[in-house]
Amino acid sequence: MQVAAPPGCEDAARAFYGGLLDFDEVEKPALLEVRGGCWFRSGSGELHIGVDDSFSPAAKAHPAFSVDSGAALDRLAASLTAAGVDVRWADDAEIPTQRRFHVSDPWGNRLEIVAARES
């Protein structure tokens, strides 16, 4: 999947997606490097940060990333909060099978982090 970001986003993308979310950076093909942005992998999925000269953040549409457990979700929320990221927990009644929260990346794109509710 791809999210858009403004020109010059690469350092902030690496700090947020690579540092805080612990995604692995993937080398972009040489022909695409000139476009800017960067790519990441988590599990079997890839996230491409694409440069958009007329960037506007996605405040409603969002990718969702799952973590292995409720404990992992809590640890990630605590880590993001400690780093100054605003963690917004979702209403548990909306999707009873999941626990989840939303954060914004450095440019205001909405992201959802989810874990299956443990019985």
PDB file of N, CA and C in Angstrom:
ATOM      1  N   MET A   1       0.848  -1.162   0.000  1.00  0.00           N
ATOM      2  CA  MET A   1       0.000   0.000   0.000  1.00  0.00           C
ATOM      3  C   MET A   1       0.893   1.224   0.000  1.00  0.00           C
ATOM      4  N   GLN A   2       0.326   2.339  -0.349  1.00  0.00           N
ATOM      5  CA  GLN A   2       1.093   3.578  -0.410  1.00  0.00           C
ATOM      6  C   GLN A   2       0.368   4.674   0.351  1.00  0.00           C
ATOM      7  N   VAL A   3       1.153   5.474   1.053  1.00  0.00           N
ATOM      8  CA  VAL A   3       0.652   6.726   1.615  1.00  0.00           C
ATOM      9  C   VAL A   3       1.492   7.848   1.029  1.00  0.00           C
ATOM     10  N   ALA A   4       0.874   8.987   0.892  1.00  0.00           N
ATOM     11  CA  ALA A   4       1.564  10.143   0.313  1.00  0.00           C
ATOM     12  C   ALA A   4       2.228  10.960   1.410  1.00  0.00           C
ATOM     13  N   ALA A   5       3.248  11.688   1.013  1.00  0.00           N
ATOM     14  CA  ALA A   5       3.984  12.561   1.920  1.00  0.00           C
ATOM     15  C   ALA A   5       4.555  13.720   1.108  1.00  0.00           C
ATOM     16  N   PRO A   6       4.918  14.798   1.781  1.00  0.00           N
ATOM     17  CA  PRO A   6       5.479  15.936   1.056  1.00  0.00           C
ATOM     18  C   PRO A   6       6.933  15.699   0.656  1.00  0.00           C
ATOM     19  N   PRO A   7       7.430  16.490  -0.294  1.00  0.00           N
ATOM     20  CA  PRO A   7       8.848  16.380  -0.664  1.00  0.00           C
ATOM     21  C   PRO A   7       9.739  16.554   0.564  1.00  0.00           C
ATOM     22  N   GLY A   8      10.834  15.823   0.587  1.00  0.00           N
ATOM     23  CA  GLY A   8      11.778  15.911   1.698  1.00  0.00           C
ATOM     24  C   GLY A   8      11.366  15.099   2.921  1.00  0.00           C
ATOM     25  N   CYS A   9      10.474  14.137   2.736  1.00  0.00           N
ATOM     26  CA  CYS A   9       9.885  13.374   3.838  1.00  0.00           C
ATOM     27  C   CYS A   9      10.736  12.227   4.351  1.00  0.00           C
ATOM     28  N   GLU A  10      11.796  11.886   3.673  1.00  0.00           N
ATOM     29  CA  GLU A  10      12.495  10.623   3.923  1.00  0.00           C
ATOM     30  C   GLU A  10      13.029  10.475   5.349  1.00  0.00           C
ATOM     31  N   ASP A  11      13.671  11.489   5.897  1.00  0.00           N
ATOM     32  CA  ASP A  11      14.220  11.363   7.255  1.00  0.00           C
ATOM     33  C   ASP A  11      13.116  11.151   8.282  1.00  0.00           C
ATOM     34  N   ALA A  12      12.030  11.909   8.156  1.00  0.00           N
ATOM     35  CA  ALA A  12      10.910  11.747   9.087  1.00  0.00           C
ATOM     36  C   ALA A  12      10.244  10.390   8.904  1.00  0.00           C
ATOM     37  N   ALA A  13      10.161   9.898   7.676  1.00  0.00           N
ATOM     38  CA  ALA A  13       9.576   8.578   7.419  1.00  0.00           C
ATOM     39  C   ALA A  13      10.415   7.492   8.081  1.00  0.00           C
ATOM     40  N   ARG A  14      11.719   7.605   7.955  1.00  0.00           N
ATOM     41  CA  ARG A  14      12.600   6.601   8.572  1.00  0.00           C
ATOM     42  C   ARG A  14      12.495   6.640  10.092  1.00  0.00           C
ATOM     43  N   ALA A  15      12.406   7.834  10.661  1.00  0.00           N
ATOM     44  CA  ALA A  15      12.289   7.952  12.116  1.00  0.00           C
ATOM     45  C   ALA A  15      10.953   7.392  12.607  1.00  0.00           C
ATOM     46  N   PHE A  16       9.866   7.672  11.903  1.00  0.00           N
ATOM     47  CA  PHE A  16       8.546   7.243  12.349  1.00  0.00           C
ATOM     48  C   PHE A  16       8.280   5.773  12.018  1.00  0.00           C
ATOM     49  N   TYR A  17       8.326   5.445  10.726  1.00  0.00           N
ATOM     50  CA  TYR A  17       7.981   4.087  10.321  1.00  0.00           C
ATOM     51  C   TYR A  17       9.091   3.091  10.671  1.00  0.00           C
ATOM     52  N   GLY A  18      10.330   3.476  10.447  1.00  0.00           N
ATOM     53  CA  GLY A  18      11.441   2.577  10.767  1.00  0.00           C
ATOM     54  C   GLY A  18      11.779   2.567  12.251  1.00  0.00           C
ATOM     55  N   GLY A  19      11.792   3.752  12.863  1.00  0.00           N
ATOM     56  CA  GLY A  19      12.169   3.854  14.268  1.00  0.00           C
ATOM     57  C   GLY A  19      11.047   3.517  15.220  1.00  0.00           C
ATOM     58  N   LEU A  20       9.970   4.294  15.182  1.00  0.00           N
ATOM     59  CA  LEU A  20       8.881   4.110  16.154  1.00  0.00           C
ATOM     60  C   LEU A  20       8.024   2.877  15.882  1.00  0.00           C
ATOM     61  N   LEU A  21       7.708   2.613  14.617  1.00  0.00           N
ATOM     62  CA  LEU A  21       6.866   1.455  14.308  1.00  0.00           C
ATOM     63  C   LEU A  21       7.673   0.187  14.036  1.00  0.00           C
ATOM     64  N   ASP A  22       9.000   0.327  13.953  1.00  0.00           N
ATOM     65  CA  ASP A  22       9.902  -0.814  13.785  1.00  0.00           C
ATOM     66  C   ASP A  22       9.693  -1.572  12.477  1.00  0.00           C
ATOM     67  N   PHE A  23       9.321  -0.867  11.415  1.00  0.00           N
ATOM     68  CA  PHE A  23       9.242  -1.471  10.090  1.00  0.00           C
ATOM     69  C   PHE A  23      10.658  -1.534   9.519  1.00  0.00           C
ATOM     70  N   ASP A  24      10.901  -2.522   8.672  1.00  0.00           N
ATOM     71  CA  ASP A  24      12.195  -2.644   8.001  1.00  0.00           C
ATOM     72  C   ASP A  24      12.166  -1.848   6.710  1.00  0.00           C
ATOM     73  N   GLU A  25      13.211  -1.052   6.483  1.00  0.00           N
ATOM     74  CA  GLU A  25      13.272  -0.325   5.215  1.00  0.00           C
ATOM     75  C   GLU A  25      13.669  -1.279   4.098  1.00  0.00           C
ATOM     76  N   VAL A  26      13.024  -1.106   2.957  1.00  0.00           N
ATOM     77  CA  VAL A  26      13.272  -1.904   1.762  1.00  0.00           C
ATOM     78  C   VAL A  26      13.929  -0.984   0.737  1.00  0.00           C
ATOM     79  N   GLU A  27      14.973  -1.465   0.106  1.00  0.00           N
ATOM     80  CA  GLU A  27      15.637  -0.657  -0.913  1.00  0.00           C
ATOM     81  C   GLU A  27      14.724  -0.473  -2.117  1.00  0.00           C
ATOM     82  N   LYS A  28      14.564   0.783  -2.519  1.00  0.00           N
ATOM     83  CA  LYS A  28      13.765   1.071  -3.717  1.00  0.00           C
ATOM     84  C   LYS A  28      14.588   0.766  -4.963  1.00  0.00           C
ATOM     85  N   PRO A  29      13.936   0.334  -6.034  1.00  0.00           N
ATOM     86  CA  PRO A  29      14.662   0.166  -7.293  1.00  0.00           C
ATOM     87  C   PRO A  29      15.291   1.497  -7.726  1.00  0.00           C
ATOM     88  N   ALA A  30      16.467   1.423  -8.296  1.00  0.00           N
ATOM     89  CA  ALA A  30      17.230   2.620  -8.656  1.00  0.00           C
ATOM     90  C   ALA A  30      16.422   3.595  -9.515  1.00  0.00           C
ATOM     91  N   LEU A  31      15.644   3.077 -10.442  1.00  0.00           N
ATOM     92  CA  LEU A  31      14.873   3.963 -11.318  1.00  0.00           C
ATOM     93  C   LEU A  31      13.785   4.720 -10.563  1.00  0.00           C
ATOM     94  N   LEU A  32      13.364   4.196  -9.421  1.00  0.00           N
ATOM     95  CA  LEU A  32      12.313   4.856  -8.639  1.00  0.00           C
ATOM     96  C   LEU A  32      12.864   5.763  -7.539  1.00  0.00           C
ATOM     97  N   GLU A  33      14.121   5.581  -7.180  1.00  0.00           N
ATOM     98  CA  GLU A  33      14.726   6.401  -6.124  1.00  0.00           C
ATOM     99  C   GLU A  33      14.668   7.884  -6.437  1.00  0.00           C
ATOM    100  N   VAL A  34      14.759   8.248  -7.699  1.00  0.00           N
ATOM    101  CA  VAL A  34      14.775   9.657  -8.081  1.00  0.00           C
ATOM    102  C   VAL A  34      13.462  10.356  -7.754  1.00  0.00           C
ATOM    103  N   ARG A  35      12.399   9.587  -7.540  1.00  0.00           N
ATOM    104  CA  ARG A  35      11.094  10.173  -7.213  1.00  0.00           C
ATOM    105  C   ARG A  35      10.993  10.585  -5.746  1.00  0.00           C
ATOM    106  N   GLY A  36      11.950  10.154  -4.929  1.00  0.00           N
ATOM    107  CA  GLY A  36      11.889  10.430  -3.500  1.00  0.00           C
ATOM    108  C   GLY A  36      11.029   9.408  -2.786  1.00  0.00           C
ATOM    109  N   GLY A  37      10.839   9.631  -1.501  1.00  0.00           N
ATOM    110  CA  GLY A  37      10.080   8.698  -0.688  1.00  0.00           C
ATOM    111  C   GLY A  37      10.927   7.515  -0.285  1.00  0.00           C
ATOM    112  N   CYS A  38      10.319   6.556   0.385  1.00  0.00           N
ATOM    113  CA  CYS A  38      11.010   5.344   0.793  1.00  0.00           C
ATOM    114  C   CYS A  38       9.989   4.242   1.035  1.00  0.00           C
ATOM    115  N   TRP A  39      10.490   3.021   1.091  1.00  0.00           N
ATOM    116  CA  TRP A  39       9.639   1.846   1.233  1.00  0.00           C
ATOM    117  C   TRP A  39       9.979   1.105   2.515  1.00  0.00           C
ATOM    118  N   PHE A  40       8.948   0.479   3.102  1.00  0.00           N
ATOM    119  CA  PHE A  40       9.117  -0.290   4.324  1.00  0.00           C
ATOM    120  C   PHE A  40       8.375  -1.614   4.214  1.00  0.00           C
ATOM    121  N   ARG A  41       8.802  -2.572   5.034  1.00  0.00           N
ATOM    122  CA  ARG A  41       8.130  -3.873   5.098  1.00  0.00           C
ATOM    123  C   ARG A  41       7.863  -4.197   6.561  1.00  0.00           C
ATOM    124  N   SER A  42       6.696  -4.778   6.788  1.00  0.00           N
ATOM    125  CA  SER A  42       6.352  -5.313   8.096  1.00  0.00           C
ATOM    126  C   SER A  42       5.590  -6.608   7.848  1.00  0.00           C
ATOM    127  N   GLY A  43       6.117  -7.708   8.341  1.00  0.00           N
ATOM    128  CA  GLY A  43       5.506  -8.996   8.040  1.00  0.00           C
ATOM    129  C   GLY A  43       5.546  -9.243   6.545  1.00  0.00           C
ATOM    130  N   SER A  44       4.414  -9.595   5.979  1.00  0.00           N
ATOM    131  CA  SER A  44       4.361  -9.867   4.542  1.00  0.00           C
ATOM    132  C   SER A  44       3.904  -8.657   3.729  1.00  0.00           C
ATOM    133  N   GLY A  45       3.652  -7.528   4.387  1.00  0.00           N
ATOM    134  CA  GLY A  45       3.169  -6.348   3.680  1.00  0.00           C
ATOM    135  C   GLY A  45       4.243  -5.294   3.492  1.00  0.00           C
ATOM    136  N   GLU A  46       4.062  -4.489   2.475  1.00  0.00           N
ATOM    137  CA  GLU A  46       4.948  -3.356   2.224  1.00  0.00           C
ATOM    138  C   GLU A  46       4.153  -2.066   2.269  1.00  0.00           C
ATOM    139  N   LEU A  47       4.808  -1.039   2.774  1.00  0.00           N
ATOM    140  CA  LEU A  47       4.255   0.308   2.793  1.00  0.00           C
ATOM    141  C   LEU A  47       5.208   1.197   2.020  1.00  0.00           C
ATOM    142  N   HIS A  48       4.687   1.864   1.003  1.00  0.00           N
ATOM    143  CA  HIS A  48       5.492   2.776   0.201  1.00  0.00           C
ATOM    144  C   HIS A  48       5.094   4.202   0.565  1.00  0.00           C
ATOM    145  N   ILE A  49       6.087   4.999   0.927  1.00  0.00           N
ATOM    146  CA  ILE A  49       5.874   6.416   1.192  1.00  0.00           C
ATOM    147  C   ILE A  49       6.203   7.123  -0.114  1.00  0.00           C
ATOM    148  N   GLY A  50       5.177   7.670  -0.755  1.00  0.00           N
ATOM    149  CA  GLY A  50       5.357   8.311  -2.049  1.00  0.00           C
ATOM    150  C   GLY A  50       5.275   9.819  -1.942  1.00  0.00           C
ATOM    151  N   VAL A  51       6.171  10.499  -2.616  1.00  0.00           N
ATOM    152  CA  VAL A  51       6.206  11.957  -2.598  1.00  0.00           C
ATOM    153  C   VAL A  51       5.129  12.507  -3.523  1.00  0.00           C
ATOM    154  N   ASP A  52       4.386  13.467  -3.002  1.00  0.00           N
ATOM    155  CA  ASP A  52       3.340  14.150  -3.761  1.00  0.00           C
ATOM    156  C   ASP A  52       3.582  15.643  -3.605  1.00  0.00           C
ATOM    157  N   ASP A  53       3.910  16.305  -4.704  1.00  0.00           N
ATOM    158  CA  ASP A  53       4.214  17.744  -4.650  1.00  0.00           C
ATOM    159  C   ASP A  53       3.043  18.573  -4.141  1.00  0.00           C
ATOM    160  N   SER A  54       1.831  18.108  -4.343  1.00  0.00           N
ATOM    161  CA  SER A  54       0.652  18.834  -3.850  1.00  0.00           C
ATOM    162  C   SER A  54       0.018  18.052  -2.695  1.00  0.00           C
ATOM    163  N   PHE A  55       0.858  17.589  -1.790  1.00  0.00           N
ATOM    164  CA  PHE A  55       0.455  16.714  -0.699  1.00  0.00           C
ATOM    165  C   PHE A  55      -0.644  17.313   0.180  1.00  0.00           C
ATOM    166  N   SER A  56      -1.603  16.468   0.518  1.00  0.00           N
ATOM    167  CA  SER A  56      -2.637  16.771   1.502  1.00  0.00           C
ATOM    168  C   SER A  56      -2.834  15.489   2.306  1.00  0.00           C
ATOM    169  N   PRO A  57      -2.785  15.545   3.643  1.00  0.00           N
ATOM    170  CA  PRO A  57      -2.865  14.306   4.429  1.00  0.00           C
ATOM    171  C   PRO A  57      -4.211  13.606   4.310  1.00  0.00           C
ATOM    172  N   ALA A  58      -4.178  12.297   4.424  1.00  0.00           N
ATOM    173  CA  ALA A  58      -5.390  11.476   4.440  1.00  0.00           C
ATOM    174  C   ALA A  58      -5.870  11.414   5.886  1.00  0.00           C
ATOM    175  N   ALA A  59      -6.877  12.213   6.198  1.00  0.00           N
ATOM    176  CA  ALA A  59      -7.361  12.305   7.576  1.00  0.00           C
ATOM    177  C   ALA A  59      -8.424  11.271   7.896  1.00  0.00           C
ATOM    178  N   LYS A  60      -9.084  10.706   6.905  1.00  0.00           N
ATOM    179  CA  LYS A  60     -10.124   9.701   7.123  1.00  0.00           C
ATOM    180  C   LYS A  60      -9.671   8.334   6.596  1.00  0.00           C
ATOM    181  N   ALA A  61      -9.362   8.252   5.314  1.00  0.00           N
ATOM    182  CA  ALA A  61      -8.870   6.998   4.740  1.00  0.00           C
ATOM    183  C   ALA A  61      -7.558   6.645   5.431  1.00  0.00           C
ATOM    184  N   HIS A  62      -7.346   5.345   5.672  1.00  0.00           N
ATOM    185  CA  HIS A  62      -6.140   4.968   6.401  1.00  0.00           C
ATOM    186  C   HIS A  62      -5.799   3.503   6.214  1.00  0.00           C
ATOM    187  N   PRO A  63      -4.501   3.183   6.266  1.00  0.00           N
ATOM    188  CA  PRO A  63      -4.113   1.783   6.347  1.00  0.00           C
ATOM    189  C   PRO A  63      -4.244   1.319   7.797  1.00  0.00           C
ATOM    190  N   ALA A  64      -4.436   0.028   7.968  1.00  0.00           N
ATOM    191  CA  ALA A  64      -4.465  -0.566   9.304  1.00  0.00           C
ATOM    192  C   ALA A  64      -3.356  -1.609   9.379  1.00  0.00           C
ATOM    193  N   PHE A  65      -2.634  -1.589  10.479  1.00  0.00           N
ATOM    194  CA  PHE A  65      -1.539  -2.526  10.706  1.00  0.00           C
ATOM    195  C   PHE A  65      -1.870  -3.342  11.945  1.00  0.00           C
ATOM    196  N   SER A  66      -1.696  -4.644  11.860  1.00  0.00           N
ATOM    197  CA  SER A  66      -2.006  -5.487  13.008  1.00  0.00           C
ATOM    198  C   SER A  66      -0.733  -5.884  13.749  1.00  0.00           C
ATOM    199  N   VAL A  67      -0.881  -6.031  15.052  1.00  0.00           N
ATOM    200  CA  VAL A  67       0.191  -6.536  15.898  1.00  0.00           C
ATOM    201  C   VAL A  67      -0.264  -7.883  16.464  1.00  0.00           C
ATOM    202  N   ASP A  68       0.671  -8.629  17.014  1.00  0.00           N
ATOM    203  CA  ASP A  68       0.421 -10.012  17.409  1.00  0.00           C
ATOM    204  C   ASP A  68      -0.495 -10.211  18.602  1.00  0.00           C
ATOM    205  N   SER A  69      -0.572  -9.227  19.488  1.00  0.00           N
ATOM    206  CA  SER A  69      -1.321  -9.449  20.723  1.00  0.00           C
ATOM    207  C   SER A  69      -1.750  -8.124  21.339  1.00  0.00           C
ATOM    208  N   GLY A  70      -2.651  -8.227  22.290  1.00  0.00           N
ATOM    209  CA  GLY A  70      -3.048  -7.046  23.044  1.00  0.00           C
ATOM    210  C   GLY A  70      -1.882  -6.453  23.806  1.00  0.00           C
ATOM    211  N   ALA A  71      -1.005  -7.313  24.321  1.00  0.00           N
ATOM    212  CA  ALA A  71       0.181  -6.825  25.032  1.00  0.00           C
ATOM    213  C   ALA A  71       1.088  -6.038  24.095  1.00  0.00           C
ATOM    214  N   ALA A  72       1.264  -6.531  22.864  1.00  0.00           N
ATOM    215  CA  ALA A  72       2.077  -5.815  21.876  1.00  0.00           C
ATOM    216  C   ALA A  72       1.431  -4.480  21.524  1.00  0.00           C
ATOM    217  N   LEU A  73       0.108  -4.461  21.444  1.00  0.00           N
ATOM    218  CA  LEU A  73      -0.612  -3.218  21.158  1.00  0.00           C
ATOM    219  C   LEU A  73      -0.383  -2.209  22.275  1.00  0.00           C
ATOM    220  N   ASP A  74      -0.481  -2.661  23.517  1.00  0.00           N
ATOM    221  CA  ASP A  74      -0.251  -1.774  24.664  1.00  0.00           C
ATOM    222  C   ASP A  74       1.178  -1.252  24.695  1.00  0.00           C
ATOM    223  N   ARG A  75       2.162  -2.125  24.417  1.00  0.00           N
ATOM    224  CA  ARG A  75       3.569  -1.694  24.406  1.00  0.00           C
ATOM    225  C   ARG A  75       3.800  -0.646  23.323  1.00  0.00           C
ATOM    226  N   LEU A  76       3.236  -0.874  22.133  1.00  0.00           N
ATOM    227  CA  LEU A  76       3.420   0.086  21.044  1.00  0.00           C
ATOM    228  C   LEU A  76       2.754   1.411  21.379  1.00  0.00           C
ATOM    229  N   ALA A  77       1.557   1.371  21.944  1.00  0.00           N
ATOM    230  CA  ALA A  77       0.877   2.611  22.335  1.00  0.00           C
ATOM    231  C   ALA A  77       1.706   3.376  23.359  1.00  0.00           C
ATOM    232  N   ALA A  78       2.275   2.681  24.331  1.00  0.00           N
ATOM    233  CA  ALA A  78       3.097   3.331  25.356  1.00  0.00           C
ATOM    234  C   ALA A  78       4.357   3.925  24.746  1.00  0.00           C
ATOM    235  N   SER A  79       4.981   3.191  23.838  1.00  0.00           N
ATOM    236  CA  SER A  79       6.193   3.673  23.179  1.00  0.00           C
ATOM    237  C   SER A  79       5.914   4.914  22.334  1.00  0.00           C
ATOM    238  N   LEU A  80       4.820   4.893  21.583  1.00  0.00           N
ATOM    239  CA  LEU A  80       4.456   6.051  20.762  1.00  0.00           C
ATOM    240  C   LEU A  80       4.121   7.254  21.638  1.00  0.00           C
ATOM    241  N   THR A  81       3.386   7.026  22.711  1.00  0.00           N
ATOM    242  CA  THR A  81       3.038   8.117  23.623  1.00  0.00           C
ATOM    243  C   THR A  81       4.306   8.722  24.225  1.00  0.00           C
ATOM    244  N   ALA A  82       5.241   7.874  24.643  1.00  0.00           N
ATOM    245  CA  ALA A  82       6.504   8.357  25.216  1.00  0.00           C
ATOM    246  C   ALA A  82       7.298   9.186  24.210  1.00  0.00           C
ATOM    247  N   ALA A  83       7.120   8.892  22.928  1.00  0.00           N
ATOM    248  CA  ALA A  83       7.817   9.639  21.871  1.00  0.00           C
ATOM    249  C   ALA A  83       7.062  10.904  21.468  1.00  0.00           C
ATOM    250  N   GLY A  84       5.922  11.172  22.136  1.00  0.00           N
ATOM    251  CA  GLY A  84       5.169  12.391  21.851  1.00  0.00           C
ATOM    252  C   GLY A  84       4.112  12.242  20.775  1.00  0.00           C
ATOM    253  N   VAL A  85       3.841  11.015  20.355  1.00  0.00           N
ATOM    254  CA  VAL A  85       2.811  10.771  19.336  1.00  0.00           C
ATOM    255  C   VAL A  85       1.456  10.689  20.037  1.00  0.00           C
ATOM    256  N   ASP A  86       0.453  11.356  19.482  1.00  0.00           N
ATOM    257  CA  ASP A  86      -0.896  11.338  20.031  1.00  0.00           C
ATOM    258  C   ASP A  86      -1.575  10.019  19.663  1.00  0.00           C
ATOM    259  N   VAL A  87      -1.800   9.169  20.670  1.00  0.00           N
ATOM    260  CA  VAL A  87      -2.457   7.875  20.486  1.00  0.00           C
ATOM    261  C   VAL A  87      -3.925   8.045  20.850  1.00  0.00           C
ATOM    262  N   ARG A  88      -4.815   7.750  19.898  1.00  0.00           N
ATOM    263  CA  ARG A  88      -6.258   7.908  20.119  1.00  0.00           C
ATOM    264  C   ARG A  88      -6.916   6.534  20.065  1.00  0.00           C
ATOM    265  N   TRP A  89      -7.305   6.036  21.241  1.00  0.00           N
ATOM    266  CA  TRP A  89      -7.940   4.719  21.325  1.00  0.00           C
ATOM    267  C   TRP A  89      -9.340   4.783  20.736  1.00  0.00           C
ATOM    268  N   ALA A  90      -9.700   3.740  19.998  1.00  0.00           N
ATOM    269  CA  ALA A  90     -11.031   3.651  19.393  1.00  0.00           C
ATOM    270  C   ALA A  90     -12.011   3.055  20.391  1.00  0.00           C
ATOM    271  N   ASP A  91     -13.272   3.321  20.171  1.00  0.00           N
ATOM    272  CA  ASP A  91     -14.360   2.800  20.993  1.00  0.00           C
ATOM    273  C   ASP A  91     -14.414   1.277  20.863  1.00  0.00           C
ATOM    274  N   ASP A  92     -14.257   0.564  21.973  1.00  0.00           N
ATOM    275  CA  ASP A  92     -14.263  -0.902  21.957  1.00  0.00           C
ATOM    276  C   ASP A  92     -15.555  -1.478  21.410  1.00  0.00           C
ATOM    277  N   ALA A  93     -16.664  -0.770  21.548  1.00  0.00           N
ATOM    278  CA  ALA A  93     -17.956  -1.297  21.111  1.00  0.00           C
ATOM    279  C   ALA A  93     -18.093  -1.318  19.587  1.00  0.00           C
ATOM    280  N   GLU A  94     -17.309  -0.505  18.882  1.00  0.00           N
ATOM    281  CA  GLU A  94     -17.444  -0.421  17.425  1.00  0.00           C
ATOM    282  C   GLU A  94     -17.073  -1.730  16.735  1.00  0.00           C
ATOM    283  N   ILE A  95     -15.979  -2.336  17.137  1.00  0.00           N
ATOM    284  CA  ILE A  95     -15.537  -3.625  16.586  1.00  0.00           C
ATOM    285  C   ILE A  95     -15.167  -4.496  17.786  1.00  0.00           C
ATOM    286  N   PRO A  96     -16.116  -5.243  18.315  1.00  0.00           N
ATOM    287  CA  PRO A  96     -15.885  -5.987  19.557  1.00  0.00           C
ATOM    288  C   PRO A  96     -14.773  -7.036  19.485  1.00  0.00           C
ATOM    289  N   THR A  97     -14.388  -7.467  18.292  1.00  0.00           N
ATOM    290  CA  THR A  97     -13.352  -8.492  18.160  1.00  0.00           C
ATOM    291  C   THR A  97     -11.941  -7.921  18.140  1.00  0.00           C
ATOM    292  N   GLN A  98     -11.823  -6.581  18.181  1.00  0.00           N
ATOM    293  CA  GLN A  98     -10.507  -5.945  18.091  1.00  0.00           C
ATOM    294  C   GLN A  98     -10.332  -4.871  19.155  1.00  0.00           C
ATOM    295  N   ARG A  99      -9.084  -4.679  19.524  1.00  0.00           N
ATOM    296  CA  ARG A  99      -8.668  -3.468  20.235  1.00  0.00           C
ATOM    297  C   ARG A  99      -7.857  -2.680  19.222  1.00  0.00           C
ATOM    298  N   ARG A 100      -7.989  -1.345  19.233  1.00  0.00           N
ATOM    299  CA  ARG A 100      -7.308  -0.569  18.204  1.00  0.00           C
ATOM    300  C   ARG A 100      -7.142   0.871  18.634  1.00  0.00           C
ATOM    301  N   PHE A 101      -6.167   1.504  18.013  1.00  0.00           N
ATOM    302  CA  PHE A 101      -5.982   2.938  18.197  1.00  0.00           C
ATOM    303  C   PHE A 101      -5.546   3.563  16.881  1.00  0.00           C
ATOM    304  N   HIS A 102      -5.672   4.886  16.833  1.00  0.00           N
ATOM    305  CA  HIS A 102      -5.249   5.653  15.662  1.00  0.00           C
ATOM    306  C   HIS A 102      -4.117   6.586  16.056  1.00  0.00           C
ATOM    307  N   VAL A 103      -3.222   6.798  15.132  1.00  0.00           N
ATOM    308  CA  VAL A 103      -2.160   7.785  15.246  1.00  0.00           C
ATOM    309  C   VAL A 103      -2.049   8.479  13.896  1.00  0.00           C
ATOM    310  N   SER A 104      -1.314   9.563  13.873  1.00  0.00           N
ATOM    311  CA  SER A 104      -1.017  10.240  12.612  1.00  0.00           C
ATOM    312  C   SER A 104       0.476  10.157  12.363  1.00  0.00           C
ATOM    313  N   ASP A 105       0.848   9.954  11.114  1.00  0.00           N
ATOM    314  CA  ASP A 105       2.274   9.953  10.785  1.00  0.00           C
ATOM    315  C   ASP A 105       2.775  11.399  10.820  1.00  0.00           C
ATOM    316  N   PRO A 106       4.044  11.646  10.566  1.00  0.00           N
ATOM    317  CA  PRO A 106       4.581  13.006  10.709  1.00  0.00           C
ATOM    318  C   PRO A 106       3.915  14.073   9.847  1.00  0.00           C
ATOM    319  N   TRP A 107       3.145  13.653   8.833  1.00  0.00           N
ATOM    320  CA  TRP A 107       2.516  14.621   7.923  1.00  0.00           C
ATOM    321  C   TRP A 107       1.008  14.651   8.066  1.00  0.00           C
ATOM    322  N   GLY A 108       0.459  13.923   9.046  1.00  0.00           N
ATOM    323  CA  GLY A 108      -0.968  13.972   9.307  1.00  0.00           C
ATOM    324  C   GLY A 108      -1.799  12.866   8.694  1.00  0.00           C
ATOM    325  N   ASN A 109      -1.168  11.885   8.034  1.00  0.00           N
ATOM    326  CA  ASN A 109      -1.913  10.741   7.520  1.00  0.00           C
ATOM    327  C   ASN A 109      -2.382   9.875   8.694  1.00  0.00           C
ATOM    328  N   ARG A 110      -3.631   9.488   8.667  1.00  0.00           N
ATOM    329  CA  ARG A 110      -4.206   8.654   9.725  1.00  0.00           C
ATOM    330  C   ARG A 110      -3.775   7.197   9.542  1.00  0.00           C
ATOM    331  N   LEU A 111      -3.395   6.549  10.638  1.00  0.00           N
ATOM    332  CA  LEU A 111      -3.035   5.132  10.647  1.00  0.00           C
ATOM    333  C   LEU A 111      -3.813   4.454  11.765  1.00  0.00           C
ATOM    334  N   GLU A 112      -4.157   3.196  11.563  1.00  0.00           N
ATOM    335  CA  GLU A 112      -4.833   2.419  12.589  1.00  0.00           C
ATOM    336  C   GLU A 112      -3.935   1.238  12.963  1.00  0.00           C
ATOM    337  N   ILE A 113      -3.830   0.982  14.260  1.00  0.00           N
ATOM    338  CA  ILE A 113      -3.061  -0.161  14.759  1.00  0.00           C
ATOM    339  C   ILE A 113      -4.048  -1.049  15.512  1.00  0.00           C
ATOM    340  N   VAL A 114      -4.089  -2.329  15.155  1.00  0.00           N
ATOM    341  CA  VAL A 114      -5.104  -3.235  15.700  1.00  0.00           C
ATOM    342  C   VAL A 114      -4.492  -4.515  16.260  1.00  0.00           C
ATOM    343  N   ALA A 115      -5.210  -5.105  17.193  1.00  0.00           N
ATOM    344  CA  ALA A 115      -4.909  -6.440  17.697  1.00  0.00           C
ATOM    345  C   ALA A 115      -6.217  -7.155  17.932  1.00  0.00           C
ATOM    346  N   ALA A 116      -6.225  -8.453  17.677  1.00  0.00           N
ATOM    347  CA  ALA A 116      -7.416  -9.238  17.966  1.00  0.00           C
ATOM    348  C   ALA A 116      -7.665  -9.225  19.465  1.00  0.00           C
ATOM    349  N   ARG A 117      -8.915  -9.087  19.828  1.00  0.00           N
ATOM    350  CA  ARG A 117      -9.265  -9.129  21.235  1.00  0.00           C
ATOM    351  C   ARG A 117      -9.059 -10.552  21.745  1.00  0.00           C
ATOM    352  N   GLU A 118      -8.360 -10.651  22.849  1.00  0.00           N
ATOM    353  CA  GLU A 118      -8.070 -11.963  23.440  1.00  0.00           C
ATOM    354  C   GLU A 118      -9.205 -12.349  24.374  1.00  0.00           C
ATOM    355  N   SER A 119      -9.583 -13.602  24.312  1.00  0.00           N
ATOM    356  CA  SER A 119     -10.699 -14.046  25.141  1.00  0.00           C
ATOM    357  C   SER A 119     -10.269 -14.449  26.533  1.00  0.00           C
TER     358      SER A 119
END
